[in-house]
Amino acid sequence: MTIPKDLLDTLMKDYKNPEDLIGETGLLKQLTKQLLERAMQAEMTDHLGYEKNALSNNKAGNARNGSYQKKIKGEFGELDIAVPRDRDSS
């Protein structure tokens, strides 16, 4: 996948120093958080078989049940993310 140049230009328009990119509230940390949360929501949608806020045709009774906060550690430092959960914890 190639990231469009205009998207990069938009993301970097307020860039002034390395802290804006790799700092505690920098772009890389924000992107990592949002990408991880979006990926986990997509996994939950696939697992449950219907989109968030859609009327489910689910006879098993499993459904989304909010999220919980989790702190993860990586090369980017520590990051708090919202992990989605389902009623059956499956």
N, C-alpha and C. Protein backbone atom coordinates (compact mmCIF):
# COMPACT_ATOMS: atom_id res chain seq x y z
N MET A 1 0.84 -1.18 0.00
CA MET A 1 0.00 0.00 0.00
C MET A 1 0.89 1.25 0.00
N THR A 2 0.58 2.17 -0.84
CA THR A 2 1.31 3.42 -0.93
C THR A 2 0.47 4.53 -0.31
N ILE A 3 1.10 5.31 0.56
CA ILE A 3 0.40 6.42 1.19
C ILE A 3 0.47 7.62 0.25
N PRO A 4 -0.68 8.21 -0.09
CA PRO A 4 -0.69 9.35 -1.02
C PRO A 4 0.10 10.54 -0.46
N LYS A 5 0.80 11.23 -1.35
CA LYS A 5 1.62 12.39 -0.96
C LYS A 5 0.78 13.48 -0.31
N ASP A 6 -0.44 13.71 -0.79
CA ASP A 6 -1.27 14.77 -0.20
C ASP A 6 -1.68 14.42 1.23
N LEU A 7 -1.84 13.13 1.54
CA LEU A 7 -2.13 12.73 2.92
C LEU A 7 -0.93 13.02 3.81
N LEU A 8 0.26 12.68 3.34
CA LEU A 8 1.47 12.99 4.10
C LEU A 8 1.64 14.49 4.30
N ASP A 9 1.36 15.26 3.26
CA ASP A 9 1.45 16.72 3.37
C ASP A 9 0.49 17.24 4.45
N THR A 10 -0.71 16.70 4.48
CA THR A 10 -1.70 17.11 5.49
C THR A 10 -1.22 16.74 6.89
N LEU A 11 -0.71 15.52 7.05
CA LEU A 11 -0.24 15.08 8.37
C LEU A 11 0.96 15.89 8.85
N MET A 12 1.81 16.30 7.94
CA MET A 12 3.05 16.99 8.31
C MET A 12 2.96 18.51 8.24
N LYS A 13 1.78 19.07 7.98
CA LYS A 13 1.69 20.52 7.77
C LYS A 13 2.11 21.34 8.99
N ASP A 14 1.94 20.82 10.21
CA ASP A 14 2.32 21.56 11.41
C ASP A 14 3.67 21.13 11.96
N TYR A 15 4.42 20.34 11.22
CA TYR A 15 5.73 19.85 11.67
C TYR A 15 6.72 21.00 11.81
N LYS A 16 7.35 21.07 12.99
CA LYS A 16 8.34 22.11 13.23
C LYS A 16 9.67 21.52 13.72
N ASN A 17 9.60 20.42 14.47
CA ASN A 17 10.82 19.80 15.00
C ASN A 17 10.56 18.30 15.23
N PRO A 18 11.62 17.53 15.51
CA PRO A 18 11.45 16.08 15.69
C PRO A 18 10.44 15.69 16.76
N GLU A 19 10.29 16.53 17.78
CA GLU A 19 9.32 16.24 18.85
C GLU A 19 7.89 16.13 18.30
N ASP A 20 7.59 16.90 17.27
CA ASP A 20 6.26 16.84 16.65
C ASP A 20 6.00 15.49 16.00
N LEU A 21 7.05 14.81 15.65
CA LEU A 21 6.92 13.51 14.99
C LEU A 21 7.06 12.35 15.97
N ILE A 22 8.10 12.39 16.80
CA ILE A 22 8.40 11.24 17.66
C ILE A 22 8.24 11.52 19.15
N GLY A 23 7.74 12.68 19.50
CA GLY A 23 7.58 13.04 20.90
C GLY A 23 6.41 12.33 21.57
N GLU A 24 6.21 12.65 22.83
CA GLU A 24 5.16 12.02 23.64
C GLU A 24 3.78 12.17 23.01
N THR A 25 3.50 13.30 22.41
CA THR A 25 2.20 13.50 21.74
C THR A 25 2.40 13.65 20.23
N GLY A 26 3.50 13.08 19.74
CA GLY A 26 3.84 13.21 18.33
C GLY A 26 2.96 12.40 17.40
N LEU A 27 3.13 12.68 16.13
CA LEU A 27 2.33 12.07 15.08
C LEU A 27 2.45 10.55 15.07
N LEU A 28 3.65 10.01 15.25
CA LEU A 28 3.82 8.55 15.20
C LEU A 28 3.03 7.85 16.30
N LYS A 29 3.03 8.40 17.50
CA LYS A 29 2.28 7.80 18.60
C LYS A 29 0.78 7.89 18.34
N GLN A 30 0.33 9.01 17.83
CA GLN A 30 -1.10 9.18 17.53
C GLN A 30 -1.55 8.21 16.44
N LEU A 31 -0.73 8.08 15.39
CA LEU A 31 -1.07 7.16 14.30
C LEU A 31 -1.06 5.71 14.78
N THR A 32 -0.08 5.35 15.59
CA THR A 32 0.00 3.98 16.11
C THR A 32 -1.25 3.65 16.92
N LYS A 33 -1.65 4.55 17.80
CA LYS A 33 -2.84 4.34 18.62
C LYS A 33 -4.08 4.17 17.74
N GLN A 34 -4.29 5.08 16.81
CA GLN A 34 -5.50 5.02 15.99
C GLN A 34 -5.51 3.81 15.06
N LEU A 35 -4.36 3.44 14.51
CA LEU A 35 -4.30 2.27 13.64
C LEU A 35 -4.56 0.98 14.42
N LEU A 36 -3.98 0.86 15.61
CA LEU A 36 -4.23 -0.33 16.43
C LEU A 36 -5.70 -0.44 16.81
N GLU A 37 -6.29 0.66 17.26
CA GLU A 37 -7.69 0.63 17.67
C GLU A 37 -8.60 0.33 16.48
N ARG A 38 -8.30 0.90 15.32
CA ARG A 38 -9.10 0.63 14.12
C ARG A 38 -8.99 -0.84 13.71
N ALA A 39 -7.78 -1.40 13.79
CA ALA A 39 -7.57 -2.81 13.43
C ALA A 39 -8.34 -3.73 14.38
N MET A 40 -8.32 -3.41 15.67
CA MET A 40 -9.04 -4.25 16.63
C MET A 40 -10.56 -4.15 16.43
N GLN A 41 -11.06 -2.97 16.07
CA GLN A 41 -12.48 -2.84 15.77
C GLN A 41 -12.84 -3.68 14.54
N ALA A 42 -11.97 -3.68 13.53
CA ALA A 42 -12.21 -4.49 12.33
C ALA A 42 -12.21 -5.98 12.67
N GLU A 43 -11.30 -6.40 13.54
CA GLU A 43 -11.28 -7.80 13.97
C GLU A 43 -12.57 -8.16 14.71
N MET A 44 -13.07 -7.25 15.55
CA MET A 44 -14.31 -7.51 16.28
C MET A 44 -15.48 -7.61 15.31
N THR A 45 -15.52 -6.74 14.31
CA THR A 45 -16.58 -6.79 13.30
C THR A 45 -16.54 -8.13 12.58
N ASP A 46 -15.36 -8.59 12.21
CA ASP A 46 -15.23 -9.88 11.54
C ASP A 46 -15.65 -11.02 12.47
N HIS A 47 -15.25 -10.96 13.71
CA HIS A 47 -15.56 -11.99 14.70
C HIS A 47 -17.07 -12.10 14.94
N LEU A 48 -17.73 -10.95 15.08
CA LEU A 48 -19.17 -10.95 15.37
C LEU A 48 -20.01 -11.10 14.11
N GLY A 49 -19.48 -10.69 12.97
CA GLY A 49 -20.19 -10.86 11.72
C GLY A 49 -21.12 -9.71 11.35
N TYR A 50 -21.00 -8.57 12.01
CA TYR A 50 -21.80 -7.40 11.65
C TYR A 50 -21.07 -6.13 12.08
N GLU A 51 -21.39 -5.03 11.40
CA GLU A 51 -20.76 -3.74 11.67
C GLU A 51 -21.22 -3.16 13.00
N LYS A 52 -20.39 -2.32 13.59
CA LYS A 52 -20.74 -1.62 14.82
C LYS A 52 -21.99 -0.77 14.57
N ASN A 53 -22.89 -0.74 15.51
CA ASN A 53 -24.16 0.01 15.48
C ASN A 53 -25.15 -0.52 14.45
N ALA A 54 -24.87 -1.68 13.85
CA ALA A 54 -25.82 -2.29 12.92
C ALA A 54 -26.73 -3.22 13.70
N LEU A 55 -27.94 -3.37 13.21
CA LEU A 55 -28.83 -4.35 13.82
C LEU A 55 -28.26 -5.72 13.52
N SER A 56 -28.03 -6.50 14.55
CA SER A 56 -27.41 -7.80 14.33
C SER A 56 -28.48 -8.85 14.06
N ASN A 57 -28.12 -9.78 13.25
CA ASN A 57 -28.96 -10.94 12.99
C ASN A 57 -28.31 -12.10 13.74
N ASN A 58 -27.92 -11.84 14.98
CA ASN A 58 -27.10 -12.74 15.75
C ASN A 58 -27.97 -13.57 16.69
N LYS A 59 -28.06 -14.84 16.43
CA LYS A 59 -28.89 -15.71 17.25
C LYS A 59 -28.12 -16.27 18.45
N ALA A 60 -26.80 -16.16 18.42
CA ALA A 60 -25.98 -16.69 19.51
C ALA A 60 -25.97 -15.75 20.72
N GLY A 61 -26.37 -14.51 20.53
CA GLY A 61 -26.44 -13.57 21.65
C GLY A 61 -25.16 -12.82 21.93
N ASN A 62 -24.10 -13.08 21.19
CA ASN A 62 -22.86 -12.36 21.42
C ASN A 62 -22.94 -10.99 20.76
N ALA A 63 -22.43 -9.98 21.43
CA ALA A 63 -22.48 -8.61 20.92
C ALA A 63 -21.32 -7.82 21.49
N ARG A 64 -21.10 -6.65 20.93
CA ARG A 64 -20.07 -5.76 21.47
C ARG A 64 -20.46 -5.37 22.90
N ASN A 65 -19.44 -5.15 23.72
CA ASN A 65 -19.68 -4.80 25.11
C ASN A 65 -18.67 -3.74 25.55
N GLY A 66 -18.60 -2.67 24.78
CA GLY A 66 -17.71 -1.56 25.13
C GLY A 66 -16.25 -1.88 24.90
N SER A 67 -15.40 -1.28 25.72
CA SER A 67 -13.96 -1.49 25.59
C SER A 67 -13.31 -1.28 26.95
N TYR A 68 -12.07 -1.68 27.05
CA TYR A 68 -11.30 -1.43 28.26
C TYR A 68 -9.96 -0.83 27.86
N GLN A 69 -9.35 -0.11 28.78
CA GLN A 69 -8.06 0.53 28.51
C GLN A 69 -6.92 -0.43 28.80
N LYS A 70 -5.92 -0.41 27.94
CA LYS A 70 -4.75 -1.25 28.12
C LYS A 70 -3.52 -0.41 27.76
N LYS A 71 -2.48 -0.58 28.54
CA LYS A 71 -1.22 0.11 28.28
C LYS A 71 -0.29 -0.88 27.58
N ILE A 72 0.18 -0.49 26.40
CA ILE A 72 1.12 -1.34 25.68
C ILE A 72 2.47 -0.63 25.62
N LYS A 73 3.52 -1.43 25.49
CA LYS A 73 4.88 -0.89 25.42
C LYS A 73 5.52 -1.35 24.13
N GLY A 74 6.27 -0.47 23.52
CA GLY A 74 6.97 -0.81 22.28
C GLY A 74 8.11 0.15 22.06
N GLU A 75 8.65 0.13 20.86
CA GLU A 75 9.75 1.03 20.52
C GLU A 75 9.33 2.49 20.62
N PHE A 76 8.03 2.74 20.54
CA PHE A 76 7.49 4.10 20.61
C PHE A 76 7.26 4.56 22.04
N GLY A 77 7.55 3.71 23.02
CA GLY A 77 7.29 4.01 24.42
C GLY A 77 6.01 3.34 24.88
N GLU A 78 5.33 3.94 25.84
CA GLU A 78 4.06 3.40 26.34
C GLU A 78 2.90 4.10 25.65
N LEU A 79 1.82 3.36 25.47
CA LEU A 79 0.66 3.88 24.76
C LEU A 79 -0.59 3.28 25.37
N ASP A 80 -1.57 4.12 25.73
CA ASP A 80 -2.86 3.64 26.22
C ASP A 80 -3.80 3.48 25.04
N ILE A 81 -4.38 2.28 24.90
CA ILE A 81 -5.31 2.02 23.81
C ILE A 81 -6.62 1.48 24.37
N ALA A 82 -7.69 1.65 23.60
CA ALA A 82 -9.00 1.11 23.95
C ALA A 82 -9.17 -0.23 23.23
N VAL A 83 -9.31 -1.31 23.99
CA VAL A 83 -9.45 -2.65 23.43
C VAL A 83 -10.93 -3.02 23.46
N PRO A 84 -11.53 -3.31 22.30
CA PRO A 84 -12.95 -3.68 22.29
C PRO A 84 -13.16 -5.05 22.92
N ARG A 85 -14.35 -5.25 23.48
CA ARG A 85 -14.68 -6.55 24.05
C ARG A 85 -16.08 -6.96 23.63
N ASP A 86 -16.34 -8.25 23.70
CA ASP A 86 -17.67 -8.76 23.39
C ASP A 86 -18.24 -9.44 24.63
N ARG A 87 -19.53 -9.68 24.63
CA ARG A 87 -20.20 -10.22 25.80
C ARG A 87 -19.69 -11.60 26.20
N ASP A 88 -19.36 -12.43 25.22
CA ASP A 88 -18.89 -13.78 25.51
C ASP A 88 -17.40 -13.85 25.79
N SER A 89 -16.70 -12.75 25.67
CA SER A 89 -15.24 -12.70 25.84
C SER A 89 -14.55 -13.75 24.99
N SER A 90 -15.06 -13.92 23.78
CA SER A 90 -14.50 -14.97 22.90
C SER A 90 -13.60 -14.41 21.83
